[in-house]
Structures are given as C-alpha cells and as structure tokens.
C-alpha atoms as a PDB file:
ATOM      1  CA  MET A   1       0.000   0.000   0.000  1.00  0.00           C
ATOM      2  CA  LYS A   2       2.731   2.481   0.901  1.00  0.00           C
ATOM      3  CA  ASP A   3       4.465   1.929  -2.423  1.00  0.00           C
ATOM      4  CA  LYS A   4       1.278   2.708  -4.363  1.00  0.00           C
ATOM      5  CA  SER A   5       0.726   5.959  -2.486  1.00  0.00           C
ATOM      6  CA  LYS A   6       4.292   7.023  -3.248  1.00  0.00           C
ATOM      7  CA  ILE A   7       3.758   6.235  -6.915  1.00  0.00           C
ATOM      8  CA  ALA A   8       0.489   8.173  -6.936  1.00  0.00           C
ATOM      9  CA  LYS A   9       2.157  11.140  -5.276  1.00  0.00           C
ATOM     10  CA  THR A  10       5.099  10.963  -7.652  1.00  0.00           C
ATOM     11  CA  GLY A  11       2.782  10.718 -10.650  1.00  0.00           C
ATOM     12  CA  LYS A  12       0.893  13.776  -9.499  1.00  0.00           C
ATOM     13  CA  ALA A  13       4.096  15.710  -8.891  1.00  0.00           C
ATOM     14  CA  ASP A  14       5.363  14.772 -12.336  1.00  0.00           C
ATOM     15  CA  GLY A  15       2.054  15.917 -13.808  1.00  0.00           C
ATOM     16  CA  ASN A  16       2.325  19.244 -12.006  1.00  0.00           C
ATOM     17  CA  MET A  17       5.913  19.684 -13.154  1.00  0.00           C
ATOM     18  CA  LYS A  18       4.843  19.069 -16.737  1.00  0.00           C
ATOM     19  CA  GLU A  19       2.134  21.715 -16.368  1.00  0.00           C
ATOM     20  CA  VAL A  20       4.601  24.154 -14.831  1.00  0.00           C
ATOM     21  CA  ASP A  21       7.129  23.422 -17.582  1.00  0.00           C
ATOM     22  CA  GLU A  22       4.490  23.990 -20.276  1.00  0.00           C
ATOM     23  CA  ALA A  23       3.355  27.255 -18.658  1.00  0.00           C
ATOM     24  CA  LEU A  24       6.972  28.417 -18.498  1.00  0.00           C
ATOM     25  CA  LYS A  25       7.502  27.594 -22.177  1.00  0.00           C
ATOM     26  CA  GLN A  26       4.364  29.539 -23.105  1.00  0.00           C
ATOM     27  CA  SER A  27       5.451  32.493 -20.980  1.00  0.00           C
ATOM     28  CA  ASN A  28       8.917  32.495 -22.545  1.00  0.00           C
ATOM     29  CA  ALA A  29       7.421  32.340 -26.048  1.00  0.00           C
ATOM     30  CA  TYR A  30       5.110  35.261 -25.222  1.00  0.00           C
ATOM     31  CA  ASN A  31       7.981  37.316 -23.808  1.00  0.00           C
ATOM     32  CA  GLN A  32      10.144  36.549 -26.825  1.00  0.00           C
ATOM     33  CA  GLY A  33       7.287  37.659 -29.077  1.00  0.00           C
ATOM     34  CA  LEU A  34       7.152  41.003 -27.263  1.00  0.00           C
ATOM     35  CA  ILE A  35      10.896  41.458 -27.685  1.00  0.00           C
ATOM     36  CA  ASP A  36      10.819  40.488 -31.349  1.00  0.00           C
ATOM     37  CA  ALA A  37       7.838  42.779 -32.097  1.00  0.00           C
ATOM     38  CA  ARG A  38       9.836  45.846 -31.091  1.00  0.00           C
ATOM     39  CA  LEU A  39      10.970  47.738 -34.202  1.00  0.00           C
ATOM     40  CA  GLY A  40      13.945  49.333 -32.451  1.00  0.00           C
ATOM     41  CA  PRO A  41      16.763  47.706 -30.516  1.00  0.00           C
ATOM     42  CA  LEU A  42      15.792  46.071 -27.239  1.00  0.00           C
ATOM     43  CA  VAL A  43      18.315  44.528 -24.859  1.00  0.00           C
ATOM     44  CA  PRO A  44      17.035  43.157 -21.542  1.00  0.00           C
ATOM     45  CA  ILE A  45      19.876  43.098 -19.016  1.00  0.00           C
ATOM     46  CA  GLY A  46      20.048  40.904 -15.907  1.00  0.00           C
ATOM     47  CA  PRO A  47      20.977  42.148 -12.444  1.00  0.00           C
ATOM     48  CA  ASP A  48      24.549  41.009 -13.073  1.00  0.00           C
ATOM     49  CA  GLY A  49      24.852  43.223 -16.172  1.00  0.00           C
ATOM     50  CA  LYS A  50      24.712  40.303 -18.597  1.00  0.00           C
ATOM     51  CA  ILE A  51      22.558  40.532 -21.711  1.00  0.00           C
ATOM     52  CA  LEU A  52      19.566  38.211 -21.388  1.00  0.00           C
ATOM     53  CA  GLU A  53      18.038  38.522 -24.855  1.00  0.00           C
ATOM     54  CA  VAL A  54      18.197  40.650 -27.991  1.00  0.00           C
ATOM     55  CA  ASN A  55      15.965  41.348 -30.941  1.00  0.00           C
ATOM     56  CA  LYS A  56      16.825  41.571 -34.629  1.00  0.00           C
ATOM     57  CA  PRO A  57      17.368  45.363 -34.730  1.00  0.00           C
ATOM     58  CA  THR A  58      19.946  44.992 -31.954  1.00  0.00           C
ATOM     59  CA  GLN A  59      21.791  42.397 -34.001  1.00  0.00           C
ATOM     60  CA  VAL A  60      21.732  44.662 -37.060  1.00  0.00           C
ATOM     61  CA  ILE A  61      23.040  47.704 -35.163  1.00  0.00           C
ATOM     62  CA  THR A  62      25.795  45.830 -33.320  1.00  0.00           C
ATOM     63  CA  GLY A  63      26.716  43.555 -36.209  1.00  0.00           C
ATOM     64  CA  CYS A  64      26.703  40.647 -33.734  1.00  0.00           C
ATOM     65  CA  ALA A  65      24.641  37.465 -33.703  1.00  0.00           C
ATOM     66  CA  SER A  66      22.320  36.855 -30.758  1.00  0.00           C
ATOM     67  CA  GLU A  67      24.522  33.960 -29.630  1.00  0.00           C
ATOM     68  CA  GLU A  68      27.442  36.354 -29.308  1.00  0.00           C
ATOM     69  CA  LEU A  69      25.455  39.022 -27.458  1.00  0.00           C
ATOM     70  CA  ILE A  70      23.429  36.896 -25.031  1.00  0.00           C
ATOM     71  CA  GLY A  71      25.401  36.235 -21.872  1.00  0.00           C
ATOM     72  CA  SER A  72      27.974  38.933 -22.568  1.00  0.00           C
ATOM     73  CA  ASP A  73      28.413  42.012 -20.389  1.00  0.00           C
ATOM     74  CA  PHE A  74      26.339  44.899 -21.733  1.00  0.00           C
ATOM     75  CA  SER A  75      28.991  47.482 -20.871  1.00  0.00           C
ATOM     76  CA  GLY A  76      31.388  46.028 -23.438  1.00  0.00           C
ATOM     77  CA  TYR A  77      29.270  47.600 -26.195  1.00  0.00           C
ATOM     78  CA  TYR A  78      29.744  51.155 -24.898  1.00  0.00           C
ATOM     79  CA  THR A  79      32.640  53.470 -25.728  1.00  0.00           C
ATOM     80  CA  ASP A  80      33.235  53.911 -21.984  1.00  0.00           C
ATOM     81  CA  PRO A  81      32.435  50.566 -20.309  1.00  0.00           C
ATOM     82  CA  SER A  82      33.288  51.759 -16.787  1.00  0.00           C
ATOM     83  CA  ARG A  83      30.844  54.665 -17.072  1.00  0.00           C
ATOM     84  CA  ALA A  84      28.146  52.336 -18.430  1.00  0.00           C
ATOM     85  CA  GLN A  85      28.653  50.038 -15.428  1.00  0.00           C
ATOM     86  CA  ALA A  86      28.479  52.984 -13.021  1.00  0.00           C
ATOM     87  CA  VAL A  87      25.218  54.266 -14.511  1.00  0.00           C
ATOM     88  CA  PHE A  88      23.771  50.745 -14.512  1.00  0.00           C
ATOM     89  CA  GLY A  89      24.618  50.410 -10.828  1.00  0.00           C
ATOM     90  CA  ASP A  90      22.874  53.708 -10.076  1.00  0.00           C
ATOM     91  CA  ILE A  91      19.609  52.861 -11.843  1.00  0.00           C
ATOM     92  CA  ARG A  92      19.345  49.157 -11.103  1.00  0.00           C
ATOM     93  CA  LEU A  93      16.067  48.198  -9.464  1.00  0.00           C
ATOM     94  CA  PRO A  94      16.185  46.525  -6.057  1.00  0.00           C
ATOM     95  CA  ASP A  95      15.651  42.777  -5.960  1.00  0.00           C
ATOM     96  CA  TYR A  96      12.045  41.792  -5.452  1.00  0.00           C
END
C-alpha cells in the first residue's frame, strides 16, 4: 500500500511539473514575441549586467549574432564601459 501511495504522489508531482514546464515555455514564447515585435533595438539586461536577450534590430546595429550578445556584459558595447557600469549600478532596481 505504501508503495502505491508514493507512486500516486510521484505521478501527481510529475504531472504538475509538466504543467509548470508547459506554462513556463508559453510564458517564454510570449515574452520573446514582445521582444521580437519591437521595431527598435531592445536589450534586456540581468541584475549582473549580462545581456539576457536581444531582438533583430539589436543584431543589425551591433553587427553581432544573438549567440554572441546573449550572456555577454552589456557594458562592453559602450565606448566607456566603466561609465556604463556605473550608470547601470545607479539605476538598477532593487531585488524583489
């Protein structure tokens, strides 16, 4: 009996994880659609200053592929990287 209850619980957990995974995929696709719909450059930056995503206009302006941009430090694309980092530190939103 105990084994069956563990299997039932595991099956339910796996089902919930599949639902969560599917919802996350849909959310990511929606967010990517918003980024791609932007006609001008759009570069979301993480709290660590790394580029999270780019759209096509950003790739055109920088001359870099998305694979090259994503994960790199945003400040490296400015003429004065140290100033870009300082400004980023000043305007960064608090963690929530």
